[in-house]
Amino acid sequence: MENSVFAVIDTNVIVSALISSRPDSYPLAVMAHVYSGAITPVFNDEIIKEYRVVLGREKFHFNPTDVESAIAVITSYGLNVERSKVEGEVFPDPKDIVFYEVKMSKEDAFLVTGNIKHFPKKPSVVTPREMVELLEDKEKK
């Protein structure tokens, strides 16, 4: 955990990773970095609940074992934090606030999302591609 990057992983990144048929997809690479320990997931109970609800939707046809495996890695190797109330920010989807508030609870954490427009423009709110590039740059140093 000491050399890893802390990141809240938005549900859409996990969905994209699980449905991807491309081995070079950035969401899949983000999840691979979670599994390898390069990313330490940051979460709270509300986020885990959303993961279970969304990933369990029939329309995705995800294998329940794969879903529980992903969630188990996040909860076992991640950091469970309380959310910090954020004032003065506008969110198009109120369900996204928890992801941002949990990210704000861990000073050096990133928020990785495929819906970057749903969050305040901050350097710590990144796309899966930006997260992978950040990790690649870190490895070069």
Protein backbone atom coordinates (compact mmCIF):
# COMPACT_ATOMS: atom_id res chain seq x y z
CA MET A 1 0.00 0.00 0.00
CA GLU A 2 2.90 2.37 0.65
CA ASN A 3 3.91 2.78 -3.02
CA SER A 4 0.44 2.48 -4.44
CA VAL A 5 -1.88 5.23 -5.61
CA PHE A 6 -5.14 5.72 -3.73
CA ALA A 7 -8.23 5.87 -5.94
CA VAL A 8 -11.99 5.73 -5.72
CA ILE A 9 -13.13 3.60 -8.64
CA ASP A 10 -16.45 4.70 -10.14
CA THR A 11 -18.87 1.88 -10.84
CA ASN A 12 -18.82 2.58 -14.58
CA VAL A 13 -15.10 1.72 -14.68
CA ILE A 14 -15.76 -1.72 -13.16
CA VAL A 15 -18.69 -2.30 -15.54
CA SER A 16 -16.52 -1.33 -18.52
CA ALA A 17 -13.72 -3.61 -17.34
CA LEU A 18 -16.07 -6.58 -16.93
CA ILE A 19 -17.72 -6.14 -20.35
CA SER A 20 -14.56 -5.29 -22.27
CA SER A 21 -13.52 -7.69 -24.98
CA ARG A 22 -10.31 -5.73 -25.58
CA PRO A 23 -7.32 -6.76 -23.50
CA ASP A 24 -5.88 -3.25 -23.93
CA SER A 25 -8.92 -1.38 -22.55
CA TYR A 26 -8.10 1.28 -19.99
CA PRO A 27 -10.86 0.29 -17.52
CA LEU A 28 -9.51 -3.28 -17.61
CA ALA A 29 -6.00 -1.93 -17.01
CA VAL A 30 -7.25 0.10 -14.02
CA MET A 31 -8.76 -3.04 -12.50
CA ALA A 32 -5.57 -4.98 -13.22
CA HIS A 33 -3.69 -2.31 -11.26
CA VAL A 34 -6.15 -2.75 -8.40
CA TYR A 35 -5.50 -6.51 -8.44
CA SER A 36 -1.71 -6.00 -8.60
CA GLY A 37 -1.72 -3.51 -5.72
CA ALA A 38 -0.55 -0.52 -7.76
CA ILE A 39 -3.91 1.10 -6.94
CA THR A 40 -5.31 0.97 -3.43
CA PRO A 41 -9.08 1.36 -3.75
CA VAL A 42 -10.79 3.87 -1.48
CA PHE A 43 -14.45 3.20 -0.70
CA ASN A 44 -17.21 3.29 1.87
CA ASP A 45 -20.22 1.05 2.50
CA GLU A 46 -22.46 3.09 0.17
CA ILE A 47 -20.06 2.58 -2.73
CA ILE A 48 -19.82 -1.16 -2.10
CA LYS A 49 -23.62 -1.32 -2.00
CA GLU A 50 -23.82 0.49 -5.35
CA TYR A 51 -21.24 -1.89 -6.85
CA ARG A 52 -23.38 -4.86 -5.82
CA VAL A 53 -26.64 -3.33 -7.10
CA VAL A 54 -25.28 -2.17 -10.46
CA LEU A 55 -23.03 -5.15 -11.17
CA GLY A 56 -25.87 -7.47 -10.20
CA ARG A 57 -28.24 -6.05 -12.81
CA GLU A 58 -29.61 -8.71 -15.11
CA LYS A 59 -28.89 -6.66 -18.23
CA PHE A 60 -25.13 -7.12 -17.73
CA HIS A 61 -25.21 -10.92 -17.31
CA PHE A 62 -22.09 -10.77 -15.14
CA ASN A 63 -21.00 -13.94 -13.43
CA PRO A 64 -21.82 -13.41 -9.72
CA THR A 65 -18.50 -15.03 -8.80
CA ASP A 66 -16.59 -12.45 -10.89
CA VAL A 67 -18.57 -9.62 -9.30
CA GLU A 68 -17.94 -10.86 -5.75
CA SER A 69 -14.28 -11.46 -6.57
CA ALA A 70 -13.85 -7.84 -7.74
CA ILE A 71 -15.66 -6.52 -4.68
CA ALA A 72 -13.66 -8.79 -2.37
CA VAL A 73 -10.37 -7.46 -3.76
CA ILE A 74 -11.56 -3.88 -3.29
CA THR A 75 -12.74 -4.44 0.28
CA SER A 76 -9.81 -6.65 1.30
CA TYR A 77 -7.00 -4.50 -0.06
CA GLY A 78 -8.70 -1.11 -0.07
CA LEU A 79 -9.26 1.61 2.43
CA ASN A 80 -12.75 2.05 3.93
CA VAL A 81 -13.24 5.74 4.81
CA GLU A 82 -16.04 8.02 5.91
CA ARG A 83 -17.25 10.51 3.36
CA SER A 84 -16.40 14.18 3.80
CA LYS A 85 -19.29 16.56 3.17
CA VAL A 86 -18.52 18.75 0.17
CA GLU A 87 -20.19 22.13 -0.19
CA GLY A 88 -20.48 24.34 -3.24
CA GLU A 89 -20.02 21.70 -5.94
CA VAL A 90 -22.68 20.84 -8.53
CA PHE A 91 -23.35 17.25 -9.57
CA PRO A 92 -25.65 16.37 -12.51
CA ASP A 93 -26.36 13.00 -10.86
CA PRO A 94 -26.78 13.09 -7.06
CA LYS A 95 -25.74 9.41 -6.89
CA ASP A 96 -22.22 10.49 -7.88
CA ILE A 97 -21.70 12.70 -4.83
CA VAL A 98 -20.67 9.79 -2.58
CA PHE A 99 -17.77 8.90 -4.92
CA TYR A 100 -16.47 12.46 -4.84
CA GLU A 101 -16.96 12.87 -1.08
CA VAL A 102 -15.12 9.62 -0.38
CA LYS A 103 -12.30 10.77 -2.67
CA MET A 104 -12.14 14.04 -0.73
CA SER A 105 -11.82 12.06 2.52
CA LYS A 106 -8.40 10.79 1.48
CA GLU A 107 -6.21 13.78 0.74
CA ASP A 108 -4.04 12.21 -1.97
CA ALA A 109 -6.72 10.04 -3.61
CA PHE A 110 -7.91 10.12 -7.19
CA LEU A 111 -11.39 9.48 -8.52
CA VAL A 112 -11.32 7.30 -11.64
CA THR A 113 -14.44 7.64 -13.78
CA GLY A 114 -15.64 7.23 -17.33
CA ASN A 115 -18.13 10.04 -16.67
CA ILE A 116 -15.68 12.86 -16.05
CA LYS A 117 -18.33 15.51 -16.87
CA HIS A 118 -20.36 14.37 -13.83
CA PHE A 119 -17.71 15.64 -11.42
CA PRO A 120 -15.97 18.93 -10.59
CA LYS A 121 -12.98 19.66 -12.82
CA LYS A 122 -10.06 18.82 -10.58
CA PRO A 123 -6.67 17.25 -11.40
CA SER A 124 -7.55 14.40 -9.04
CA VAL A 125 -10.66 13.43 -11.08
CA VAL A 126 -9.31 11.32 -13.93
CA THR A 127 -10.40 9.01 -16.72
CA PRO A 128 -9.20 5.40 -16.76
CA ARG A 129 -6.71 6.35 -19.48
CA GLU A 130 -5.32 9.22 -17.39
CA MET A 131 -4.99 6.90 -14.38
CA VAL A 132 -3.04 4.34 -16.41
CA GLU A 133 -0.80 7.08 -17.82
CA LEU A 134 -0.21 8.45 -14.32
CA LEU A 135 0.82 4.99 -13.12
CA GLU A 136 3.10 4.49 -16.14
CA ASP A 137 4.77 7.87 -15.44
CA LYS A 138 5.22 6.90 -11.79
CA GLU A 139 6.91 3.63 -12.82
CA LYS A 140 9.41 5.54 -14.99
CA LYS A 141 10.62 7.61 -12.02
